[in-house]
């Protein structure tokens, strides 16, 4: 319904579409909860829209929805995701191909650069290497100090650059936002940074030859009134 062009017209269309979606959800929730006050209805409307977004947005790696992404990338469920895993997944929807942690970890995970024998080598926190263990141990031993929420990313980069220059990834930005908004404390933030070194990111075993077409057919079958009386098995559609 919306193009990618950056024009005022498109922005206005986006605002109108967002308002219509909000009004529709608000009306439905009001009908289901007539005794609730306007503040509660407004909050439940936001939660409903966010829930829909999380269940349908594409995370790459043949993963539509947060549950599918958690299973494919980390072999776990959405409910049991750690702050680090959540930060990685939250970094993907904007551009799943460009920010693919499997093929292009620079943008998402971050990296260090070392220069043995006049060569430049990138060290990724989640990929084992002869240098990674020492760096990780040093992070775990010394407490992380955040001067202020606004300097969170700067403090992380400074702390992680002591052994080798560190370039932050999108997951570091998300972790800082989680810390700034009070979802995690500084100890949980440090734990997430240490956890990066022993977190495995898996490639989906669900190999689909034409994923976009398959998911389009799947969505059509699930939403079409013609097939409303039939149970649609997602696993069969993916084979």
C-alpha atoms as a PDB file:
ATOM      1  CA  UNK A   1       0.000   0.000   0.000  1.00  0.00           C
ATOM      2  CA  UNK A   2       2.982   2.281   0.559  1.00  0.00           C
ATOM      3  CA  UNK A   3       5.999   2.848  -1.659  1.00  0.00           C
ATOM      4  CA  UNK A   4       9.582   3.432  -0.495  1.00  0.00           C
ATOM      5  CA  UNK A   5       9.740   6.953  -1.910  1.00  0.00           C
ATOM      6  CA  UNK A   6      10.661   9.632   0.624  1.00  0.00           C
ATOM      7  CA  UNK A   7       8.034  12.263  -0.096  1.00  0.00           C
ATOM      8  CA  UNK A   8       5.531  14.257   1.944  1.00  0.00           C
ATOM      9  CA  UNK A   9       2.648  12.531   0.148  1.00  0.00           C
ATOM     10  CA  UNK A  10       3.881   9.097   1.237  1.00  0.00           C
ATOM     11  CA  UNK A  11       4.327  10.299   4.820  1.00  0.00           C
ATOM     12  CA  UNK A  12       0.765  11.616   4.909  1.00  0.00           C
ATOM     13  CA  UNK A  13      -0.510   8.308   3.539  1.00  0.00           C
ATOM     14  CA  UNK A  14       1.433   6.515   6.264  1.00  0.00           C
ATOM     15  CA  UNK A  15      -0.106   8.734   8.964  1.00  0.00           C
ATOM     16  CA  UNK A  16      -3.629   8.152   7.627  1.00  0.00           C
ATOM     17  CA  UNK A  17      -3.068   4.381   7.380  1.00  0.00           C
ATOM     18  CA  UNK A  18      -1.657   4.256  10.921  1.00  0.00           C
ATOM     19  CA  UNK A  19      -4.636   6.205  12.274  1.00  0.00           C
ATOM     20  CA  UNK A  20      -7.131   3.921  10.522  1.00  0.00           C
ATOM     21  CA  UNK A  21      -5.394   0.866  11.935  1.00  0.00           C
ATOM     22  CA  UNK A  22      -5.419   2.399  15.415  1.00  0.00           C
ATOM     23  CA  UNK A  23      -9.114   3.306  15.166  1.00  0.00           C
ATOM     24  CA  UNK A  24     -10.070  -0.202  14.008  1.00  0.00           C
ATOM     25  CA  UNK A  25      -8.134  -1.890  16.797  1.00  0.00           C
ATOM     26  CA  UNK A  26      -9.426   0.566  19.389  1.00  0.00           C
ATOM     27  CA  UNK A  27     -13.031  -0.042  18.328  1.00  0.00           C
ATOM     28  CA  UNK A  28     -12.614  -3.804  18.516  1.00  0.00           C
ATOM     29  CA  UNK A  29     -10.951  -3.684  21.949  1.00  0.00           C
ATOM     30  CA  UNK A  30     -13.621  -1.283  23.246  1.00  0.00           C
ATOM     31  CA  UNK A  31     -16.341  -3.730  22.167  1.00  0.00           C
ATOM     32  CA  UNK A  32     -14.536  -6.584  23.911  1.00  0.00           C
ATOM     33  CA  UNK A  33     -13.837  -4.508  27.070  1.00  0.00           C
ATOM     34  CA  UNK A  34     -16.694  -1.967  27.439  1.00  0.00           C
ATOM     35  CA  UNK A  35     -15.969  -1.419  31.123  1.00  0.00           C
ATOM     36  CA  UNK A  36     -12.350  -0.292  30.591  1.00  0.00           C
ATOM     37  CA  UNK A  37     -11.338   3.399  30.732  1.00  0.00           C
ATOM     38  CA  UNK A  38      -9.890   5.278  27.740  1.00  0.00           C
ATOM     39  CA  UNK A  39      -6.307   5.058  29.038  1.00  0.00           C
ATOM     40  CA  UNK A  40      -6.464   1.269  29.302  1.00  0.00           C
ATOM     41  CA  UNK A  41      -8.086   0.993  25.862  1.00  0.00           C
ATOM     42  CA  UNK A  42      -5.323   3.145  24.380  1.00  0.00           C
ATOM     43  CA  UNK A  43      -2.613   0.985  25.960  1.00  0.00           C
ATOM     44  CA  UNK A  44      -4.263  -2.266  24.868  1.00  0.00           C
ATOM     45  CA  UNK A  45      -4.584  -0.881  21.335  1.00  0.00           C
ATOM     46  CA  UNK A  46      -0.850  -0.206  21.181  1.00  0.00           C
ATOM     47  CA  UNK A  47      -0.080  -3.654  22.552  1.00  0.00           C
ATOM     48  CA  UNK A  48      -2.408  -5.267  19.992  1.00  0.00           C
ATOM     49  CA  UNK A  49      -0.737  -3.467  17.066  1.00  0.00           C
ATOM     50  CA  UNK A  50       2.719  -4.369  18.381  1.00  0.00           C
ATOM     51  CA  UNK A  51       1.661  -8.000  18.798  1.00  0.00           C
ATOM     52  CA  UNK A  52       0.479  -8.123  15.190  1.00  0.00           C
ATOM     53  CA  UNK A  53       3.724  -6.550  14.001  1.00  0.00           C
ATOM     54  CA  UNK A  54       5.857  -9.038  15.929  1.00  0.00           C
ATOM     55  CA  UNK A  55       3.849 -11.975  14.595  1.00  0.00           C
ATOM     56  CA  UNK A  56       4.045 -10.991  10.923  1.00  0.00           C
ATOM     57  CA  UNK A  57       7.232  -8.958  10.341  1.00  0.00           C
ATOM     58  CA  UNK A  58      10.053 -10.631   8.388  1.00  0.00           C
ATOM     59  CA  UNK A  59      13.314 -11.309  10.236  1.00  0.00           C
ATOM     60  CA  UNK A  60      15.196 -12.946   7.372  1.00  0.00           C
ATOM     61  CA  UNK A  61      16.411 -16.570   7.385  1.00  0.00           C
ATOM     62  CA  UNK A  62      12.903 -17.731   6.279  1.00  0.00           C
ATOM     63  CA  UNK A  63      11.478 -16.333   9.520  1.00  0.00           C
ATOM     64  CA  UNK A  64       8.128 -14.542   9.618  1.00  0.00           C
ATOM     65  CA  UNK A  65       7.171 -13.536  13.147  1.00  0.00           C
ATOM     66  CA  UNK A  66       9.139 -13.443  16.388  1.00  0.00           C
ATOM     67  CA  UNK A  67       8.396 -17.067  17.315  1.00  0.00           C
ATOM     68  CA  UNK A  68       9.705 -18.364  13.998  1.00  0.00           C
ATOM     69  CA  UNK A  69      12.789 -16.124  14.256  1.00  0.00           C
ATOM     70  CA  UNK A  70      13.561 -17.336  17.797  1.00  0.00           C
ATOM     71  CA  UNK A  71      13.313 -20.962  16.675  1.00  0.00           C
ATOM     72  CA  UNK A  72      15.366 -20.527  13.498  1.00  0.00           C
ATOM     73  CA  UNK A  73      18.167 -18.292  14.796  1.00  0.00           C
ATOM     74  CA  UNK A  74      18.534 -19.549  18.376  1.00  0.00           C
ATOM     75  CA  UNK A  75      16.591 -22.845  18.598  1.00  0.00           C
ATOM     76  CA  UNK A  76      14.464 -21.443  21.408  1.00  0.00           C
ATOM     77  CA  UNK A  77      11.061 -19.801  21.890  1.00  0.00           C
ATOM     78  CA  UNK A  78      10.074 -16.129  21.954  1.00  0.00           C
ATOM     79  CA  UNK A  79       9.245 -16.372  25.671  1.00  0.00           C
ATOM     80  CA  UNK A  80      12.714 -17.642  26.599  1.00  0.00           C
ATOM     81  CA  UNK A  81      14.812 -15.203  24.563  1.00  0.00           C
ATOM     82  CA  UNK A  82      17.636 -13.570  26.502  1.00  0.00           C
ATOM     83  CA  UNK A  83      18.157  -9.772  26.353  1.00  0.00           C
ATOM     84  CA  UNK A  84      21.040 -10.345  23.921  1.00  0.00           C
ATOM     85  CA  UNK A  85      19.011 -12.594  21.626  1.00  0.00           C
ATOM     86  CA  UNK A  86      16.106 -10.136  21.767  1.00  0.00           C
ATOM     87  CA  UNK A  87      18.450  -7.279  20.838  1.00  0.00           C
ATOM     88  CA  UNK A  88      19.796  -9.200  17.852  1.00  0.00           C
ATOM     89  CA  UNK A  89      16.303 -10.014  16.550  1.00  0.00           C
ATOM     90  CA  UNK A  90      15.076  -6.462  17.136  1.00  0.00           C
ATOM     91  CA  UNK A  91      17.904  -5.258  14.878  1.00  0.00           C
ATOM     92  CA  UNK A  92      16.758  -7.284  11.861  1.00  0.00           C
ATOM     93  CA  UNK A  93      13.314  -6.150  10.531  1.00  0.00           C
ATOM     94  CA  UNK A  94      14.494  -2.818   9.114  1.00  0.00           C
ATOM     95  CA  UNK A  95      16.672  -4.630   6.564  1.00  0.00           C
ATOM     96  CA  UNK A  96      16.849  -8.425   7.039  1.00  0.00           C
ATOM     97  CA  UNK A  97      19.123  -8.988   4.030  1.00  0.00           C
ATOM     98  CA  UNK A  98      21.584  -6.166   4.738  1.00  0.00           C
ATOM     99  CA  UNK A  99      21.705  -6.970   8.455  1.00  0.00           C
ATOM    100  CA  UNK A 100      21.814 -10.746   8.192  1.00  0.00           C
ATOM    101  CA  UNK A 101      23.846 -11.897  11.257  1.00  0.00           C
ATOM    102  CA  UNK A 102      24.775 -15.110   9.446  1.00  0.00           C
ATOM    103  CA  UNK A 103      26.351 -13.584   6.361  1.00  0.00           C
ATOM    104  CA  UNK A 104      26.984  -9.974   7.410  1.00  0.00           C
ATOM    105  CA  UNK A 105      27.643  -9.901  11.163  1.00  0.00           C
ATOM    106  CA  UNK A 106      29.489  -6.564  11.057  1.00  0.00           C
ATOM    107  CA  UNK A 107      26.342  -4.432  11.169  1.00  0.00           C
ATOM    108  CA  UNK A 108      24.434  -6.456  13.772  1.00  0.00           C
ATOM    109  CA  UNK A 109      26.963  -8.093  16.101  1.00  0.00           C
ATOM    110  CA  UNK A 110      29.873  -5.654  15.933  1.00  0.00           C
ATOM    111  CA  UNK A 111      33.533  -6.601  15.616  1.00  0.00           C
ATOM    112  CA  UNK A 112      37.097  -5.931  16.725  1.00  0.00           C
ATOM    113  CA  UNK A 113      40.149  -5.424  14.542  1.00  0.00           C
ATOM    114  CA  UNK A 114      43.572  -6.825  15.337  1.00  0.00           C
ATOM    115  CA  UNK A 115      46.753  -6.436  13.336  1.00  0.00           C
ATOM    116  CA  UNK A 116      49.042  -9.468  13.631  1.00  0.00           C
ATOM    117  CA  UNK A 117      52.051  -9.391  11.280  1.00  0.00           C
ATOM    118  CA  UNK A 118      50.790  -6.216   9.587  1.00  0.00           C
ATOM    119  CA  UNK A 119      47.503  -7.894   8.640  1.00  0.00           C
ATOM    120  CA  UNK A 120      44.022  -6.671   9.533  1.00  0.00           C
ATOM    121  CA  UNK A 121      41.780  -9.377  10.987  1.00  0.00           C
ATOM    122  CA  UNK A 122      38.178  -8.895  12.114  1.00  0.00           C
ATOM    123  CA  UNK A 123      37.196 -10.707  15.301  1.00  0.00           C
ATOM    124  CA  UNK A 124      33.487 -11.290  15.831  1.00  0.00           C
ATOM    125  CA  UNK A 125      32.276 -11.759  19.427  1.00  0.00           C
ATOM    126  CA  UNK A 126      30.103 -14.780  18.576  1.00  0.00           C
ATOM    127  CA  UNK A 127      32.698 -16.626  16.474  1.00  0.00           C
ATOM    128  CA  UNK A 128      35.421 -18.569  18.300  1.00  0.00           C
ATOM    129  CA  UNK A 129      39.024 -17.575  17.623  1.00  0.00           C
ATOM    130  CA  UNK A 130      42.423 -17.796  19.418  1.00  0.00           C
ATOM    131  CA  UNK A 131      42.061 -14.137  20.466  1.00  0.00           C
ATOM    132  CA  UNK A 132      38.423 -14.146  21.514  1.00  0.00           C
ATOM    133  CA  UNK A 133      38.736 -16.041  24.813  1.00  0.00           C
ATOM    134  CA  UNK A 134      41.197 -13.565  26.362  1.00  0.00           C
ATOM    135  CA  UNK A 135      39.101 -10.566  25.337  1.00  0.00           C
ATOM    136  CA  UNK A 136      35.908 -12.107  26.743  1.00  0.00           C
ATOM    137  CA  UNK A 137      37.547 -12.998  30.063  1.00  0.00           C
ATOM    138  CA  UNK A 138      38.685  -9.404  30.465  1.00  0.00           C
ATOM    139  CA  UNK A 139      35.141  -8.109  29.883  1.00  0.00           C
ATOM    140  CA  UNK A 140      33.729 -10.477  32.500  1.00  0.00           C
ATOM    141  CA  UNK A 141      36.300  -9.611  35.163  1.00  0.00           C
ATOM    142  CA  UNK A 142      35.904  -5.841  35.184  1.00  0.00           C
ATOM    143  CA  UNK A 143      32.461  -4.322  35.889  1.00  0.00           C
ATOM    144  CA  UNK A 144      30.977  -2.217  33.114  1.00  0.00           C
ATOM    145  CA  UNK A 145      30.521   1.449  34.034  1.00  0.00           C
ATOM    146  CA  UNK A 146      27.883   3.556  32.296  1.00  0.00           C
ATOM    147  CA  UNK A 147      28.364   7.267  32.991  1.00  0.00           C
ATOM    148  CA  UNK A 148      24.882   8.164  31.786  1.00  0.00           C
ATOM    149  CA  UNK A 149      22.159   6.615  29.581  1.00  0.00           C
ATOM    150  CA  UNK A 150      23.040   9.045  26.781  1.00  0.00           C
ATOM    151  CA  UNK A 151      26.648   7.829  26.806  1.00  0.00           C
ATOM    152  CA  UNK A 152      25.792   4.138  27.013  1.00  0.00           C
ATOM    153  CA  UNK A 153      26.960   3.246  23.494  1.00  0.00           C
ATOM    154  CA  UNK A 154      30.083   5.364  23.869  1.00  0.00           C
ATOM    155  CA  UNK A 155      30.948   3.682  27.190  1.00  0.00           C
ATOM    156  CA  UNK A 156      30.421   0.201  25.701  1.00  0.00           C
ATOM    157  CA  UNK A 157      32.693   0.958  22.771  1.00  0.00           C
ATOM    158  CA  UNK A 158      35.348   2.407  25.076  1.00  0.00           C
ATOM    159  CA  UNK A 159      35.189  -0.577  27.425  1.00  0.00           C
ATOM    160  CA  UNK A 160      35.312  -3.191  24.669  1.00  0.00           C
ATOM    161  CA  UNK A 161      38.141  -1.434  22.815  1.00  0.00           C
ATOM    162  CA  UNK A 162      40.738  -1.885  25.535  1.00  0.00           C
ATOM    163  CA  UNK A 163      42.146  -5.092  24.073  1.00  0.00           C
ATOM    164  CA  UNK A 164      41.439  -4.291  20.431  1.00  0.00           C
ATOM    165  CA  UNK A 165      39.507  -1.528  18.599  1.00  0.00           C
ATOM    166  CA  UNK A 166      35.800  -2.380  18.741  1.00  0.00           C
ATOM    167  CA  UNK A 167      33.124  -1.224  16.298  1.00  0.00           C
ATOM    168  CA  UNK A 168      29.640  -1.401  17.770  1.00  0.00           C
ATOM    169  CA  UNK A 169      26.794  -3.245  16.044  1.00  0.00           C
ATOM    170  CA  UNK A 170      23.058  -2.592  15.991  1.00  0.00           C
ATOM    171  CA  UNK A 171      22.570  -5.065  18.833  1.00  0.00           C
ATOM    172  CA  UNK A 172      24.681  -2.784  21.053  1.00  0.00           C
ATOM    173  CA  UNK A 173      22.385   0.142  20.231  1.00  0.00           C
ATOM    174  CA  UNK A 174      19.314  -1.927  21.072  1.00  0.00           C
ATOM    175  CA  UNK A 175      20.864  -3.093  24.356  1.00  0.00           C
ATOM    176  CA  UNK A 176      21.594   0.519  25.253  1.00  0.00           C
ATOM    177  CA  UNK A 177      18.010   1.479  24.488  1.00  0.00           C
ATOM    178  CA  UNK A 178      16.810  -1.392  26.682  1.00  0.00           C
ATOM    179  CA  UNK A 179      19.078  -0.122  29.471  1.00  0.00           C
ATOM    180  CA  UNK A 180      18.051   3.529  28.989  1.00  0.00           C
ATOM    181  CA  UNK A 181      14.340   2.636  29.116  1.00  0.00           C
ATOM    182  CA  UNK A 182      14.774   0.549  32.253  1.00  0.00           C
ATOM    183  CA  UNK A 183      14.152  -2.914  30.803  1.00  0.00           C
ATOM    184  CA  UNK A 184      17.594  -4.180  31.924  1.00  0.00           C
ATOM    185  CA  UNK A 185      20.103  -2.959  34.507  1.00  0.00           C
ATOM    186  CA  UNK A 186      23.847  -2.432  34.066  1.00  0.00           C
ATOM    187  CA  UNK A 187      24.663  -5.953  35.320  1.00  0.00           C
ATOM    188  CA  UNK A 188      22.293  -7.506  32.775  1.00  0.00           C
ATOM    189  CA  UNK A 189      23.823  -5.290  30.111  1.00  0.00           C
ATOM    190  CA  UNK A 190      27.323  -6.548  30.903  1.00  0.00           C
ATOM    191  CA  UNK A 191      26.068 -10.132  31.026  1.00  0.00           C
ATOM    192  CA  UNK A 192      24.610  -9.693  27.530  1.00  0.00           C
ATOM    193  CA  UNK A 193      27.954  -8.435  26.201  1.00  0.00           C
ATOM    194  CA  UNK A 194      29.786 -11.420  27.702  1.00  0.00           C
ATOM    195  CA  UNK A 195      27.067 -13.793  26.487  1.00  0.00           C
ATOM    196  CA  UNK A 196      27.745 -12.729  22.887  1.00  0.00           C
ATOM    197  CA  UNK A 197      30.919 -14.837  22.846  1.00  0.00           C
ATOM    198  CA  UNK A 198      29.048 -18.105  23.476  1.00  0.00           C
ATOM    199  CA  UNK A 199      25.770 -17.469  21.669  1.00  0.00           C
ATOM    200  CA  UNK A 200      25.240 -19.599  18.587  1.00  0.00           C
ATOM    201  CA  UNK A 201      23.287 -18.209  15.648  1.00  0.00           C
ATOM    202  CA  UNK A 202      21.866 -20.935  13.443  1.00  0.00           C
ATOM    203  CA  UNK A 203      20.909 -21.004   9.794  1.00  0.00           C
ATOM    204  CA  UNK A 204      17.355 -22.078   9.113  1.00  0.00           C
ATOM    205  CA  UNK A 205      16.976 -25.759   8.229  1.00  0.00           C
ATOM    206  CA  UNK A 206      13.697 -24.864   6.561  1.00  0.00           C
ATOM    207  CA  UNK A 207      14.999 -24.612   2.992  1.00  0.00           C
ATOM    208  CA  UNK A 208      12.269 -23.173   0.787  1.00  0.00           C
ATOM    209  CA  UNK A 209      12.936 -22.841  -2.941  1.00  0.00           C
ATOM    210  CA  UNK A 210      10.580 -19.877  -3.440  1.00  0.00           C
ATOM    211  CA  UNK A 211       9.919 -18.477   0.060  1.00  0.00           C
ATOM    212  CA  UNK A 212       8.023 -15.319  -0.939  1.00  0.00           C
ATOM    213  CA  UNK A 213       5.565 -17.289  -3.094  1.00  0.00           C
ATOM    214  CA  UNK A 214       5.159 -20.007  -0.456  1.00  0.00           C
ATOM    215  CA  UNK A 215       4.390 -17.520   2.310  1.00  0.00           C
ATOM    216  CA  UNK A 216       1.985 -15.630   0.022  1.00  0.00           C
ATOM    217  CA  UNK A 217       0.070 -18.860  -0.676  1.00  0.00           C
ATOM    218  CA  UNK A 218       0.154 -19.736   3.022  1.00  0.00           C
ATOM    219  CA  UNK A 219      -1.284 -16.341   4.001  1.00  0.00           C
ATOM    220  CA  UNK A 220      -3.938 -16.587   1.288  1.00  0.00           C
ATOM    221  CA  UNK A 221      -5.067 -20.019   2.475  1.00  0.00           C
ATOM    222  CA  UNK A 222      -5.190 -18.890   6.099  1.00  0.00           C
ATOM    223  CA  UNK A 223      -7.179 -15.704   5.416  1.00  0.00           C
ATOM    224  CA  UNK A 224      -9.449 -16.811   2.575  1.00  0.00           C
ATOM    225  CA  UNK A 225     -13.054 -17.528   3.569  1.00  0.00           C
ATOM    226  CA  UNK A 226     -13.122 -20.346   1.022  1.00  0.00           C
ATOM    227  CA  UNK A 227     -10.696 -22.385   3.138  1.00  0.00           C
ATOM    228  CA  UNK A 228     -11.902 -21.198   6.554  1.00  0.00           C
ATOM    229  CA  UNK A 229     -13.155 -24.682   7.492  1.00  0.00           C
ATOM    230  CA  UNK A 230      -9.816 -26.331   6.712  1.00  0.00           C
ATOM    231  CA  UNK A 231      -6.782 -26.632   8.981  1.00  0.00           C
ATOM    232  CA  UNK A 232      -3.684 -25.283   7.224  1.00  0.00           C
ATOM    233  CA  UNK A 233      -0.480 -27.028   8.300  1.00  0.00           C
ATOM    234  CA  UNK A 234       2.407 -24.543   8.095  1.00  0.00           C
ATOM    235  CA  UNK A 235       5.036 -27.305   8.081  1.00  0.00           C
ATOM    236  CA  UNK A 236       3.478 -28.963   5.032  1.00  0.00           C
ATOM    237  CA  UNK A 237       3.302 -25.644   3.170  1.00  0.00           C
ATOM    238  CA  UNK A 238       6.999 -25.051   3.863  1.00  0.00           C
ATOM    239  CA  UNK A 239       8.143 -28.377   2.443  1.00  0.00           C
END
